Amino acid sequence: MLKKYDYLSSLKRFKNTFTGFFFGGIISMALILGFILSELVFYDLVKSKNKNNE
């Protein structure tokens, strides 16, 4: 009985860690993508501004 409970709790803990890691990965990926996109947009804005000034 105790062994079965230990197995279930360890499985639950593993699942929680896995989901946490999974969502953490998704969030970090989204942040990185958003950062890259904002950098690209900012670069384009600066480029177009420089073109207008010339």
C-alpha atoms as a PDB file:
ATOM      1  CA  MET A   1       0.000   0.000   0.000  1.00  0.00           C
ATOM      2  CA  LEU A   2       2.762   2.435   1.002  1.00  0.00           C
ATOM      3  CA  LYS A   3       4.817   1.479  -2.042  1.00  0.00           C
ATOM      4  CA  LYS A   4       1.860   2.098  -4.362  1.00  0.00           C
ATOM      5  CA  TYR A   5       1.287   5.525  -2.782  1.00  0.00           C
ATOM      6  CA  ASP A   6       4.974   6.415  -3.154  1.00  0.00           C
ATOM      7  CA  TYR A   7       4.865   5.393  -6.803  1.00  0.00           C
ATOM      8  CA  LEU A   8       1.766   7.526  -7.444  1.00  0.00           C
ATOM      9  CA  SER A   9       3.196  10.572  -5.684  1.00  0.00           C
ATOM     10  CA  SER A  10       6.498  10.282  -7.558  1.00  0.00           C
ATOM     11  CA  LEU A  11       4.578   9.947 -10.825  1.00  0.00           C
ATOM     12  CA  LYS A  12       2.544  13.045  -9.942  1.00  0.00           C
ATOM     13  CA  ARG A  13       5.714  14.946  -9.063  1.00  0.00           C
ATOM     14  CA  PHE A  14       7.323  13.895 -12.353  1.00  0.00           C
ATOM     15  CA  LYS A  15       4.222  15.007 -14.263  1.00  0.00           C
ATOM     16  CA  ASN A  16       4.214  18.382 -12.498  1.00  0.00           C
ATOM     17  CA  THR A  17       7.913  18.873 -13.246  1.00  0.00           C
ATOM     18  CA  PHE A  18       7.396  17.869 -16.857  1.00  0.00           C
ATOM     19  CA  THR A  19       4.440  20.216 -17.398  1.00  0.00           C
ATOM     20  CA  GLY A  20       6.321  23.025 -15.642  1.00  0.00           C
ATOM     21  CA  PHE A  21       9.349  22.439 -17.849  1.00  0.00           C
ATOM     22  CA  PHE A  22       7.145  22.186 -20.962  1.00  0.00           C
ATOM     23  CA  PHE A  23       5.274  25.423 -20.267  1.00  0.00           C
ATOM     24  CA  GLY A  24       8.492  27.134 -19.218  1.00  0.00           C
ATOM     25  CA  GLY A  25       9.996  26.162 -22.569  1.00  0.00           C
ATOM     26  CA  ILE A  26       6.969  27.458 -24.474  1.00  0.00           C
ATOM     27  CA  ILE A  27       7.025  30.758 -22.574  1.00  0.00           C
ATOM     28  CA  SER A  28      10.770  31.262 -23.085  1.00  0.00           C
ATOM     29  CA  MET A  29      10.398  30.419 -26.797  1.00  0.00           C
ATOM     30  CA  ALA A  30       7.566  32.964 -27.102  1.00  0.00           C
ATOM     31  CA  LEU A  31       9.667  35.597 -25.314  1.00  0.00           C
ATOM     32  CA  ILE A  32      12.657  34.954 -27.576  1.00  0.00           C
ATOM     33  CA  LEU A  33      10.470  35.076 -30.702  1.00  0.00           C
ATOM     34  CA  GLY A  34       8.793  38.263 -29.521  1.00  0.00           C
ATOM     35  CA  PHE A  35      12.187  39.832 -28.807  1.00  0.00           C
ATOM     36  CA  ILE A  36      13.464  38.903 -32.289  1.00  0.00           C
ATOM     37  CA  LEU A  37      10.284  40.233 -33.928  1.00  0.00           C
ATOM     38  CA  SER A  38      10.433  43.510 -32.005  1.00  0.00           C
ATOM     39  CA  GLU A  39      14.117  43.892 -32.930  1.00  0.00           C
ATOM     40  CA  LEU A  40      13.271  43.340 -36.609  1.00  0.00           C
ATOM     41  CA  VAL A  41      10.378  45.825 -36.478  1.00  0.00           C
ATOM     42  CA  PHE A  42      12.537  48.390 -34.685  1.00  0.00           C
ATOM     43  CA  TYR A  43      15.328  47.902 -37.250  1.00  0.00           C
ATOM     44  CA  ASP A  44      12.841  48.371 -40.104  1.00  0.00           C
ATOM     45  CA  LEU A  45      11.486  51.546 -38.482  1.00  0.00           C
ATOM     46  CA  VAL A  46      14.973  52.988 -38.052  1.00  0.00           C
ATOM     47  CA  LYS A  47      15.838  52.074 -41.643  1.00  0.00           C
ATOM     48  CA  SER A  48      12.689  53.711 -43.043  1.00  0.00           C
ATOM     49  CA  LYS A  49      13.274  56.795 -40.844  1.00  0.00           C
ATOM     50  CA  ASN A  50      16.821  57.113 -42.198  1.00  0.00           C
ATOM     51  CA  LYS A  51      15.519  56.745 -45.759  1.00  0.00           C
ATOM     52  CA  ASN A  52      12.964  59.531 -45.184  1.00  0.00           C
ATOM     53  CA  ASN A  53      15.634  61.847 -43.761  1.00  0.00           C
ATOM     54  CA  GLU A  54      17.907  61.474 -46.781  1.00  0.00           C
END
